[in-house]
């Protein structure tokens, strides 16, 4: 019984809708069609803007590959500097060796974290320009700290 009454209600709604739209004049139908076209065009424009924003945020494969190679080179150079600083500490025997050793260990940890961040980004590929800016800033900052640390040891 419930199915029959539901079917009858749906049929009445469909018939009323078709009668209502059937009563529209040709001008009203044209206006409705124009409104639909305008709405579809606005929707298309929004989708295009969103696609442009996403494309801007994402890195191209070549750009990511180049950035990764450059960053890995800088990270390797940092590793070499850290190893050199550790050797200087072992040779010296100064009272400040413990302080320098802790500082070098923290710099080494930061270097490893940068390496990990690069690997993590390859998996997510989100907000390329922000990642690139932040990563370069942190990498340069680490390089400067390593230079300052080696100057202090001389």
N, C-alpha and C. Protein backbone atom coordinates (compact mmCIF):
# COMPACT_ATOMS: atom_id res chain seq x y z
N UNK A 1 0.81 -1.18 0.00
CA UNK A 1 0.00 0.00 0.00
C UNK A 1 0.87 1.26 0.00
N UNK A 2 1.95 1.21 0.80
CA UNK A 2 2.83 2.37 0.88
C UNK A 2 3.49 2.63 -0.47
N UNK A 3 3.86 1.56 -1.18
CA UNK A 3 4.50 1.72 -2.48
C UNK A 3 3.55 2.36 -3.49
N UNK A 4 2.30 1.97 -3.43
CA UNK A 4 1.32 2.49 -4.37
C UNK A 4 1.09 3.98 -4.10
N UNK A 5 0.93 4.37 -2.85
CA UNK A 5 0.69 5.78 -2.54
C UNK A 5 1.93 6.62 -2.87
N UNK A 6 3.13 6.07 -2.65
CA UNK A 6 4.37 6.78 -3.01
C UNK A 6 4.44 6.97 -4.52
N UNK A 7 4.12 5.93 -5.27
CA UNK A 7 4.15 6.00 -6.72
C UNK A 7 3.15 7.03 -7.23
N UNK A 8 1.97 7.04 -6.66
CA UNK A 8 0.94 8.01 -7.07
C UNK A 8 1.41 9.43 -6.78
N UNK A 9 2.04 9.66 -5.61
CA UNK A 9 2.51 10.99 -5.25
C UNK A 9 3.60 11.46 -6.20
N UNK A 10 4.51 10.59 -6.54
CA UNK A 10 5.59 10.94 -7.47
C UNK A 10 5.01 11.25 -8.84
N UNK A 11 4.06 10.47 -9.28
CA UNK A 11 3.43 10.68 -10.59
C UNK A 11 2.72 12.03 -10.63
N UNK A 12 2.02 12.37 -9.56
CA UNK A 12 1.32 13.66 -9.51
C UNK A 12 2.31 14.81 -9.58
N UNK A 13 3.43 14.69 -8.87
CA UNK A 13 4.45 15.75 -8.89
C UNK A 13 5.04 15.91 -10.29
N UNK A 14 5.32 14.80 -10.94
CA UNK A 14 5.88 14.86 -12.30
C UNK A 14 4.89 15.49 -13.27
N UNK A 15 3.63 15.09 -13.18
CA UNK A 15 2.61 15.66 -14.07
C UNK A 15 2.44 17.16 -13.82
N UNK A 16 2.44 17.56 -12.54
CA UNK A 16 2.29 18.98 -12.23
C UNK A 16 3.48 19.77 -12.78
N UNK A 17 4.68 19.22 -12.66
CA UNK A 17 5.87 19.89 -13.18
C UNK A 17 5.84 20.02 -14.68
N UNK A 18 5.40 18.97 -15.36
CA UNK A 18 5.35 19.04 -16.82
C UNK A 18 4.25 19.99 -17.29
N UNK A 19 3.13 20.03 -16.57
CA UNK A 19 2.08 21.00 -16.92
C UNK A 19 2.56 22.42 -16.71
N UNK A 20 3.28 22.63 -15.62
CA UNK A 20 3.77 23.98 -15.31
C UNK A 20 4.76 24.44 -16.37
N UNK A 21 5.71 23.58 -16.72
CA UNK A 21 6.69 23.97 -17.73
C UNK A 21 6.07 23.99 -19.11
N UNK A 22 5.07 23.18 -19.33
CA UNK A 22 4.38 23.18 -20.61
C UNK A 22 3.61 24.46 -20.84
N UNK A 23 3.26 25.13 -19.78
CA UNK A 23 2.51 26.38 -19.88
C UNK A 23 3.41 27.59 -20.12
N UNK A 24 4.69 27.40 -20.08
CA UNK A 24 5.60 28.51 -20.32
C UNK A 24 5.52 28.94 -21.78
N UNK A 25 5.66 30.17 -22.00
CA UNK A 25 5.72 30.65 -23.37
C UNK A 25 7.12 30.40 -23.91
N UNK A 26 7.27 30.54 -25.20
CA UNK A 26 8.58 30.30 -25.81
C UNK A 26 9.61 31.30 -25.30
N UNK A 27 9.19 32.53 -24.99
CA UNK A 27 10.11 33.53 -24.44
C UNK A 27 10.60 33.12 -23.05
N UNK A 28 9.67 32.60 -22.26
CA UNK A 28 10.06 32.16 -20.92
C UNK A 28 11.03 31.00 -21.00
N UNK A 29 10.79 30.08 -21.95
CA UNK A 29 11.69 28.93 -22.13
C UNK A 29 13.08 29.41 -22.57
N UNK A 30 13.11 30.42 -23.47
CA UNK A 30 14.39 30.97 -23.92
C UNK A 30 15.13 31.64 -22.77
N UNK A 31 14.40 32.38 -21.96
CA UNK A 31 15.01 33.05 -20.81
C UNK A 31 15.58 32.03 -19.82
N UNK A 32 14.83 30.95 -19.60
CA UNK A 32 15.29 29.91 -18.69
C UNK A 32 16.54 29.23 -19.25
N UNK A 33 16.55 29.00 -20.55
CA UNK A 33 17.72 28.38 -21.19
C UNK A 33 18.93 29.30 -21.12
N UNK A 34 18.71 30.60 -21.33
CA UNK A 34 19.81 31.57 -21.23
C UNK A 34 20.37 31.61 -19.81
N UNK A 35 19.49 31.56 -18.84
CA UNK A 35 19.93 31.58 -17.45
C UNK A 35 20.78 30.35 -17.13
N UNK A 36 20.37 29.21 -17.69
CA UNK A 36 21.14 27.98 -17.48
C UNK A 36 22.51 28.09 -18.15
N UNK A 37 22.57 28.67 -19.33
CA UNK A 37 23.84 28.84 -20.04
C UNK A 37 24.77 29.77 -19.25
N UNK A 38 24.22 30.87 -18.74
CA UNK A 38 25.02 31.82 -17.95
C UNK A 38 25.55 31.13 -16.69
N UNK A 39 24.69 30.36 -16.02
CA UNK A 39 25.12 29.66 -14.82
C UNK A 39 26.21 28.64 -15.14
N UNK A 40 26.06 27.93 -16.25
CA UNK A 40 27.06 26.95 -16.65
C UNK A 40 28.39 27.64 -16.98
N UNK A 41 28.33 28.79 -17.63
CA UNK A 41 29.55 29.54 -17.97
C UNK A 41 30.26 30.01 -16.71
N UNK A 42 29.50 30.52 -15.73
CA UNK A 42 30.09 30.94 -14.46
C UNK A 42 30.75 29.77 -13.75
N UNK A 43 30.07 28.63 -13.79
CA UNK A 43 30.62 27.42 -13.18
C UNK A 43 31.93 27.02 -13.85
N UNK A 44 31.96 27.09 -15.17
CA UNK A 44 33.16 26.75 -15.93
C UNK A 44 34.30 27.69 -15.57
N UNK A 45 34.01 28.98 -15.45
CA UNK A 45 35.03 29.95 -15.08
C UNK A 45 35.61 29.65 -13.69
N UNK A 46 34.75 29.32 -12.75
CA UNK A 46 35.21 28.97 -11.40
C UNK A 46 36.11 27.75 -11.42
N UNK A 47 35.69 26.74 -12.17
CA UNK A 47 36.49 25.52 -12.26
C UNK A 47 37.85 25.82 -12.89
N UNK A 48 37.87 26.65 -13.92
CA UNK A 48 39.13 27.01 -14.59
C UNK A 48 40.06 27.76 -13.64
N UNK A 49 39.50 28.69 -12.84
CA UNK A 49 40.32 29.42 -11.87
C UNK A 49 40.91 28.47 -10.84
N UNK A 50 40.09 27.55 -10.36
CA UNK A 50 40.58 26.57 -9.38
C UNK A 50 41.66 25.69 -9.97
N UNK A 51 41.49 25.29 -11.23
CA UNK A 51 42.51 24.47 -11.89
C UNK A 51 43.81 25.25 -12.04
N UNK A 52 43.72 26.54 -12.36
CA UNK A 52 44.92 27.37 -12.48
C UNK A 52 45.64 27.49 -11.14
N UNK A 53 44.87 27.66 -10.08
CA UNK A 53 45.46 27.78 -8.74
C UNK A 53 46.17 26.48 -8.36
N UNK A 54 45.54 25.36 -8.63
CA UNK A 54 46.14 24.07 -8.30
C UNK A 54 47.42 23.86 -9.12
N UNK A 55 47.38 24.21 -10.39
CA UNK A 55 48.55 24.05 -11.24
C UNK A 55 49.70 24.94 -10.76
N UNK A 56 49.36 26.11 -10.27
CA UNK A 56 50.37 27.04 -9.77
C UNK A 56 51.02 26.50 -8.49
N UNK A 57 50.23 25.84 -7.68
CA UNK A 57 50.74 25.33 -6.42
C UNK A 57 51.58 24.08 -6.60
N UNK A 58 51.30 23.31 -7.62
CA UNK A 58 52.00 22.05 -7.83
C UNK A 58 53.26 22.29 -8.67
N UNK A 59 54.25 21.48 -8.38
CA UNK A 59 55.50 21.59 -9.13
C UNK A 59 55.44 20.70 -10.36
N UNK A 60 56.08 21.14 -11.42
CA UNK A 60 56.20 20.27 -12.58
C UNK A 60 57.24 19.21 -12.25
N UNK A 61 57.21 18.12 -12.97
CA UNK A 61 58.12 17.01 -12.70
C UNK A 61 59.58 17.45 -12.89
N UNK A 62 59.85 18.21 -13.95
CA UNK A 62 61.22 18.66 -14.21
C UNK A 62 61.69 19.63 -13.13
N UNK A 63 60.80 20.54 -12.74
CA UNK A 63 61.16 21.51 -11.71
C UNK A 63 61.46 20.81 -10.39
N UNK A 64 60.65 19.83 -10.04
CA UNK A 64 60.86 19.09 -8.80
C UNK A 64 62.16 18.30 -8.86
N UNK A 65 62.44 17.70 -10.00
CA UNK A 65 63.66 16.91 -10.15
C UNK A 65 64.90 17.80 -10.01
N UNK A 66 64.87 18.95 -10.65
CA UNK A 66 65.99 19.89 -10.57
C UNK A 66 66.17 20.39 -9.14
N UNK A 67 65.08 20.78 -8.52
CA UNK A 67 65.14 21.27 -7.14
C UNK A 67 65.67 20.19 -6.20
N UNK A 68 65.22 18.95 -6.41
CA UNK A 68 65.66 17.85 -5.56
C UNK A 68 67.16 17.62 -5.72
N UNK A 69 67.65 17.62 -6.94
CA UNK A 69 69.09 17.42 -7.17
C UNK A 69 69.92 18.53 -6.53
N UNK A 70 69.48 19.77 -6.70
CA UNK A 70 70.20 20.89 -6.11
C UNK A 70 70.20 20.80 -4.58
N UNK A 71 69.05 20.45 -4.03
CA UNK A 71 68.94 20.35 -2.57
C UNK A 71 69.78 19.20 -2.03
N UNK A 72 69.77 18.07 -2.72
CA UNK A 72 70.58 16.94 -2.28
C UNK A 72 72.06 17.29 -2.30
N UNK A 73 72.49 18.06 -3.29
CA UNK A 73 73.88 18.48 -3.37
C UNK A 73 74.23 19.36 -2.16
N UNK A 74 73.34 20.30 -1.83
CA UNK A 74 73.59 21.16 -0.67
C UNK A 74 73.59 20.34 0.62
N UNK A 75 72.70 19.38 0.72
CA UNK A 75 72.65 18.54 1.92
C UNK A 75 73.92 17.71 2.04
N UNK A 76 74.41 17.18 0.92
CA UNK A 76 75.68 16.41 0.93
C UNK A 76 76.84 17.31 1.35
N UNK A 77 76.85 18.55 0.84
CA UNK A 77 77.91 19.49 1.24
C UNK A 77 77.84 19.76 2.74
N UNK A 78 76.63 19.88 3.26
CA UNK A 78 76.47 20.07 4.71
C UNK A 78 77.00 18.87 5.48
N UNK A 79 76.75 17.67 4.97
CA UNK A 79 77.25 16.46 5.63
C UNK A 79 78.78 16.46 5.67
N UNK A 80 79.40 16.91 4.57
CA UNK A 80 80.86 16.97 4.52
C UNK A 80 81.38 17.98 5.54
N UNK A 81 80.75 19.14 5.61
CA UNK A 81 81.15 20.16 6.60
C UNK A 81 81.01 19.63 8.02
N UNK A 82 79.93 18.94 8.28
CA UNK A 82 79.70 18.39 9.62
C UNK A 82 80.79 17.38 9.97
N UNK A 83 81.14 16.52 9.00
CA UNK A 83 82.21 15.55 9.24
C UNK A 83 83.54 16.25 9.50
N UNK A 84 83.81 17.31 8.76
CA UNK A 84 85.05 18.07 8.98
C UNK A 84 85.07 18.70 10.37
N UNK A 85 83.94 19.25 10.79
CA UNK A 85 83.86 19.86 12.13
C UNK A 85 84.06 18.81 13.22
N UNK A 86 83.53 17.63 13.02
CA UNK A 86 83.70 16.56 14.01
C UNK A 86 85.16 16.16 14.10
N UNK A 87 85.84 16.13 12.97
CA UNK A 87 87.27 15.80 12.98
C UNK A 87 88.07 16.86 13.73
N UNK A 88 87.75 18.12 13.52
CA UNK A 88 88.45 19.20 14.22
C UNK A 88 88.26 19.09 15.72
N UNK A 89 87.07 18.71 16.14
CA UNK A 89 86.81 18.56 17.57
C UNK A 89 87.65 17.43 18.13
N UNK A 90 87.73 16.33 17.42
CA UNK A 90 88.49 15.18 17.90
C UNK A 90 89.98 15.49 18.00
N UNK A 91 90.48 16.36 17.12
CA UNK A 91 91.90 16.69 17.13
C UNK A 91 92.27 17.69 18.21
N UNK A 92 91.34 18.58 18.53
CA UNK A 92 91.72 19.70 19.39
C UNK A 92 91.89 19.30 20.85
N UNK A 93 90.92 18.99 21.57
CA UNK A 93 91.05 18.70 23.00
C UNK A 93 90.74 19.92 23.85
N UNK A 94 90.00 20.85 23.32
CA UNK A 94 89.65 22.08 24.01
C UNK A 94 88.54 21.81 25.03
N UNK A 95 88.43 22.74 25.98
CA UNK A 95 87.38 22.62 26.99
C UNK A 95 85.99 22.85 26.39
N UNK A 96 85.94 23.55 25.30
CA UNK A 96 84.66 23.86 24.67
C UNK A 96 84.20 22.79 23.68
N UNK A 97 84.93 21.68 23.62
CA UNK A 97 84.59 20.63 22.67
C UNK A 97 83.18 20.08 22.88
N UNK A 98 82.75 19.96 24.12
CA UNK A 98 81.40 19.44 24.39
C UNK A 98 80.33 20.38 23.85
N UNK A 99 80.54 21.67 24.02
CA UNK A 99 79.59 22.66 23.52
C UNK A 99 79.51 22.58 22.00
N UNK A 100 80.68 22.53 21.36
CA UNK A 100 80.71 22.45 19.90
C UNK A 100 80.11 21.13 19.42
N UNK A 101 80.38 20.06 20.14
CA UNK A 101 79.85 18.75 19.75
C UNK A 101 78.32 18.77 19.78
N UNK A 102 77.75 19.38 20.82
CA UNK A 102 76.28 19.46 20.90
C UNK A 102 75.72 20.31 19.77
N UNK A 103 76.41 21.41 19.49
CA UNK A 103 75.96 22.29 18.41
C UNK A 103 76.03 21.56 17.06
N UNK A 104 77.10 20.84 16.84
CA UNK A 104 77.26 20.10 15.59
C UNK A 104 76.22 18.99 15.48
N UNK A 105 75.93 18.32 16.59
CA UNK A 105 74.90 17.28 16.58
C UNK A 105 73.53 17.85 16.22
N UNK A 106 73.22 19.04 16.76
CA UNK A 106 71.93 19.65 16.43
C UNK A 106 71.88 20.06 14.96
N UNK A 107 73.00 20.54 14.42
CA UNK A 107 73.05 20.89 13.00
C UNK A 107 72.92 19.65 12.12
N UNK A 108 73.52 18.57 12.57
CA UNK A 108 73.43 17.31 11.83
C UNK A 108 71.98 16.81 11.81
N UNK A 109 71.30 16.95 12.93
CA UNK A 109 69.89 16.56 13.01
C UNK A 109 69.03 17.41 12.08
N UNK A 110 69.29 18.71 12.04
CA UNK A 110 68.55 19.59 11.14
C UNK A 110 68.78 19.19 9.68
N UNK A 111 70.01 18.82 9.36
CA UNK A 111 70.34 18.40 8.00
C UNK A 111 69.55 17.14 7.63
N UNK A 112 69.49 16.19 8.57
CA UNK A 112 68.73 14.96 8.32
C UNK A 112 67.24 15.26 8.17
N UNK A 113 66.73 16.21 8.96
CA UNK A 113 65.32 16.58 8.86
C UNK A 113 65.00 17.19 7.50
N UNK A 114 65.93 17.98 6.98
CA UNK A 114 65.73 18.56 5.66
C UNK A 114 65.66 17.47 4.59
N UNK A 115 66.51 16.50 4.73
CA UNK A 115 66.52 15.38 3.79
C UNK A 115 65.18 14.63 3.84
N UNK A 116 64.67 14.45 5.05
CA UNK A 116 63.39 13.78 5.23
C UNK A 116 62.25 14.61 4.66
N UNK A 117 62.29 15.92 4.87
CA UNK A 117 61.23 16.81 4.34
C UNK A 117 61.16 16.73 2.83
N UNK A 118 62.32 16.64 2.19
CA UNK A 118 62.33 16.53 0.73
C UNK A 118 61.64 15.24 0.30
N UNK A 119 61.94 14.16 0.97
CA UNK A 119 61.30 12.88 0.64
C UNK A 119 59.81 12.90 0.91
N UNK A 120 59.41 13.55 1.98
CA UNK A 120 57.99 13.64 2.31
C UNK A 120 57.24 14.48 1.28
N UNK A 121 57.87 15.54 0.79
CA UNK A 121 57.19 16.39 -0.20
C UNK A 121 56.93 15.61 -1.48
N UNK A 122 57.84 14.75 -1.86
CA UNK A 122 57.67 13.99 -3.09
C UNK A 122 56.41 13.13 -3.03
N UNK A 123 55.99 12.79 -1.82
CA UNK A 123 54.79 11.97 -1.66
C UNK A 123 53.52 12.82 -1.69
N UNK A 124 53.59 14.06 -1.19
CA UNK A 124 52.38 14.87 -1.06
C UNK A 124 52.16 15.84 -2.21
N UNK A 125 53.21 16.47 -2.71
CA UNK A 125 53.11 17.45 -3.81
C UNK A 125 52.10 18.55 -3.55
N UNK A 126 52.15 19.15 -2.40
CA UNK A 126 51.19 20.21 -2.10
C UNK A 126 51.90 21.54 -1.87
N UNK A 127 51.28 22.61 -2.28
CA UNK A 127 51.76 23.97 -2.08
C UNK A 127 53.25 24.11 -2.40
N UNK A 128 53.57 23.95 -3.65
CA UNK A 128 54.96 23.93 -4.12
C UNK A 128 55.72 25.20 -3.77
N UNK A 129 55.14 26.35 -4.07
CA UNK A 129 55.89 27.59 -3.86
C UNK A 129 56.20 27.82 -2.38
N UNK A 130 55.27 27.50 -1.50
CA UNK A 130 55.50 27.66 -0.07
C UNK A 130 56.57 26.67 0.41
N UNK A 131 56.45 25.42 -0.03
CA UNK A 131 57.44 24.42 0.35
C UNK A 131 58.83 24.82 -0.12
N UNK A 132 58.93 25.24 -1.37
CA UNK A 132 60.22 25.61 -1.95
C UNK A 132 60.84 26.77 -1.18
N UNK A 133 60.04 27.79 -0.88
CA UNK A 133 60.53 28.96 -0.14
C UNK A 133 61.01 28.56 1.25
N UNK A 134 60.19 27.82 1.98
CA UNK A 134 60.54 27.42 3.35
C UNK A 134 61.76 26.50 3.36
N UNK A 135 61.80 25.56 2.43
CA UNK A 135 62.91 24.61 2.37
C UNK A 135 64.21 25.33 2.07
N UNK A 136 64.20 26.22 1.07
CA UNK A 136 65.42 26.97 0.73
C UNK A 136 65.87 27.85 1.90
N UNK A 137 64.92 28.48 2.57
CA UNK A 137 65.26 29.32 3.72
C UNK A 137 65.94 28.47 4.81
N UNK A 138 65.37 27.33 5.13
CA UNK A 138 65.94 26.47 6.17
C UNK A 138 67.30 25.91 5.75
N UNK A 139 67.43 25.56 4.49
CA UNK A 139 68.70 25.02 3.99
C UNK A 139 69.79 26.10 4.03
N UNK A 140 69.46 27.30 3.62
CA UNK A 140 70.43 28.40 3.66
C UNK A 140 70.81 28.75 5.10
N UNK A 141 69.82 28.74 5.96
CA UNK A 141 70.07 29.03 7.38
C UNK A 141 71.03 28.00 7.98
N UNK A 142 70.82 26.74 7.64
CA UNK A 142 71.70 25.68 8.13
C UNK A 142 73.11 25.86 7.58
N UNK A 143 73.21 26.19 6.30
CA UNK A 143 74.52 26.42 5.69
C UNK A 143 75.26 27.56 6.37
N UNK A 144 74.54 28.63 6.70
CA UNK A 144 75.17 29.76 7.39
C UNK A 144 75.62 29.37 8.79
N UNK A 145 74.83 28.60 9.49
CA UNK A 145 75.22 28.16 10.83
C UNK A 145 76.46 27.27 10.78
N UNK A 146 76.54 26.42 9.75
CA UNK A 146 77.72 25.57 9.60
C UNK A 146 78.97 26.42 9.32
N UNK A 147 78.82 27.45 8.49
CA UNK A 147 79.95 28.33 8.20
C UNK A 147 80.39 29.05 9.46
N UNK A 148 79.45 29.55 10.23
CA UNK A 148 79.77 30.25 11.47
C UNK A 148 80.44 29.32 12.46
N UNK A 149 79.99 28.09 12.52
CA UNK A 149 80.56 27.13 13.45
C UNK A 149 82.00 26.81 13.06
N UNK A 150 82.26 26.66 11.76
CA UNK A 150 83.63 26.35 11.35
C UNK A 150 84.54 27.57 11.55
N UNK A 151 84.03 28.78 11.42
CA UNK A 151 84.84 29.97 11.69
C UNK A 151 85.20 30.06 13.16
N UNK A 152 84.26 29.71 14.03
CA UNK A 152 84.52 29.77 15.45
C UNK A 152 85.60 28.77 15.87
N UNK A 153 85.70 27.68 15.16
CA UNK A 153 86.66 26.63 15.52
C UNK A 153 88.07 26.97 15.05
N UNK A 154 88.20 27.93 14.17
CA UNK A 154 89.54 28.23 13.63
C UNK A 154 90.37 29.05 14.57
